[in-house]
Amino acid sequence: MMTDDDMKRIKEDRGPDDLTLKIDMLTKQKEYLQSKCREAGGAILDLEFQVQTLKKDIDRLAEENSNLRIIMEGKKDESKPYLDKNRK
């Protein structure tokens, strides 16, 4: 009759070509890769959110910049009315 010690010894005596050992190693590798893929997926989602936020910020700043340029050009024209030939 086989005891628990015998079972442990048999498991430890498995060679590198043992299929159960390969299955165990591949299962562990699969679980590890799945966890890393989940981490990478989360990082990708975070980066996509940051990209969208930055795009919105760029659009907002570009519009503000454009508005300020328009305001500054208007002030330049008002300070020199003699340059405007169409004004009376």
Protein backbone atom coordinates (compact mmCIF):
# COMPACT_ATOMS: atom_id res chain seq x y z
CA MET A 1 0.00 0.00 0.00
CA MET A 2 1.27 3.50 -0.90
CA THR A 3 1.61 6.10 1.79
CA ASP A 4 1.64 9.89 1.50
CA ASP A 5 5.43 9.83 1.72
CA ASP A 6 5.56 7.47 -1.26
CA MET A 7 3.30 9.80 -3.27
CA LYS A 8 5.51 12.81 -2.46
CA ARG A 9 8.61 10.88 -3.47
CA ILE A 10 7.02 9.85 -6.76
CA LYS A 11 6.10 13.46 -7.52
CA GLU A 12 9.62 14.58 -6.70
CA ASP A 13 11.14 11.81 -8.85
CA ARG A 14 9.35 12.99 -11.99
CA GLY A 15 11.74 13.64 -14.81
CA PRO A 16 11.74 16.59 -17.17
CA ASP A 17 9.77 14.60 -19.77
CA ASP A 18 6.89 13.84 -17.41
CA LEU A 19 3.65 15.10 -18.98
CA THR A 20 2.00 15.99 -15.68
CA LEU A 21 4.99 18.19 -14.84
CA LYS A 22 4.75 19.89 -18.24
CA ILE A 23 1.01 20.39 -17.78
CA ASP A 24 1.58 21.94 -14.35
CA MET A 25 4.28 24.24 -15.70
CA LEU A 26 2.16 25.31 -18.67
CA THR A 27 -0.85 25.91 -16.43
CA LYS A 28 1.22 28.13 -14.15
CA GLN A 29 2.64 29.95 -17.17
CA LYS A 30 -0.85 30.48 -18.58
CA GLU A 31 -2.10 31.90 -15.27
CA TYR A 32 0.92 34.20 -15.03
CA LEU A 33 0.46 35.45 -18.59
CA GLN A 34 -3.26 36.00 -18.03
CA SER A 35 -2.57 38.13 -14.98
CA LYS A 36 0.05 40.17 -16.87
CA CYS A 37 -2.38 40.64 -19.78
CA ARG A 38 -5.03 41.91 -17.36
CA GLU A 39 -2.50 44.36 -15.88
CA ALA A 40 -1.50 45.53 -19.36
CA GLY A 41 -5.17 45.91 -20.33
CA GLY A 42 -5.76 48.11 -17.31
CA ALA A 43 -2.71 50.20 -18.14
CA ILE A 44 -3.91 50.57 -21.74
CA LEU A 45 -7.33 51.78 -20.56
CA ASP A 46 -5.67 54.31 -18.24
CA LEU A 47 -3.46 55.58 -21.05
CA GLU A 48 -6.40 55.87 -23.46
CA PHE A 49 -8.25 57.93 -20.85
CA GLN A 50 -5.21 60.17 -20.42
CA VAL A 51 -4.93 60.64 -24.20
CA GLN A 52 -8.58 61.68 -24.43
CA THR A 53 -8.18 64.09 -21.52
CA LEU A 54 -5.05 65.60 -23.06
CA LYS A 55 -6.76 65.99 -26.44
CA LYS A 56 -9.59 67.90 -24.77
CA ASP A 57 -7.09 70.09 -22.94
CA ILE A 58 -5.22 70.81 -26.18
CA ASP A 59 -8.46 71.76 -27.94
CA ARG A 60 -9.48 74.02 -25.06
CA LEU A 61 -6.08 75.71 -24.91
CA ALA A 62 -5.95 76.17 -28.69
CA GLU A 63 -9.35 77.86 -28.59
CA GLU A 64 -8.29 80.09 -25.70
CA ASN A 65 -5.10 80.98 -27.58
CA SER A 66 -7.10 81.84 -30.70
CA ASN A 67 -9.51 83.98 -28.69
CA LEU A 68 -6.66 85.85 -27.02
CA ARG A 69 -5.02 86.53 -30.37
CA ILE A 70 -8.29 87.93 -31.71
CA ILE A 71 -8.68 90.15 -28.63
CA MET A 72 -5.07 91.36 -28.85
CA GLU A 73 -5.43 92.18 -32.57
CA GLY A 74 -8.60 94.13 -31.79
CA LYS A 75 -6.81 96.15 -29.14
CA LYS A 76 -3.95 96.94 -31.52
CA ASP A 77 -6.42 98.26 -34.11
CA GLU A 78 -8.26 100.38 -31.51
CA SER A 79 -5.03 101.97 -30.28
CA LYS A 80 -4.14 103.17 -33.81
CA PRO A 81 -7.41 104.29 -35.44
CA TYR A 82 -5.55 106.44 -37.96
CA LEU A 83 -4.30 103.25 -39.64
CA ASP A 84 -7.82 102.15 -40.47
CA LYS A 85 -8.83 103.83 -43.74
CA ASN A 86 -12.43 102.61 -43.51
CA ARG A 87 -13.15 104.32 -40.19
CA LYS A 88 -14.68 107.81 -40.16
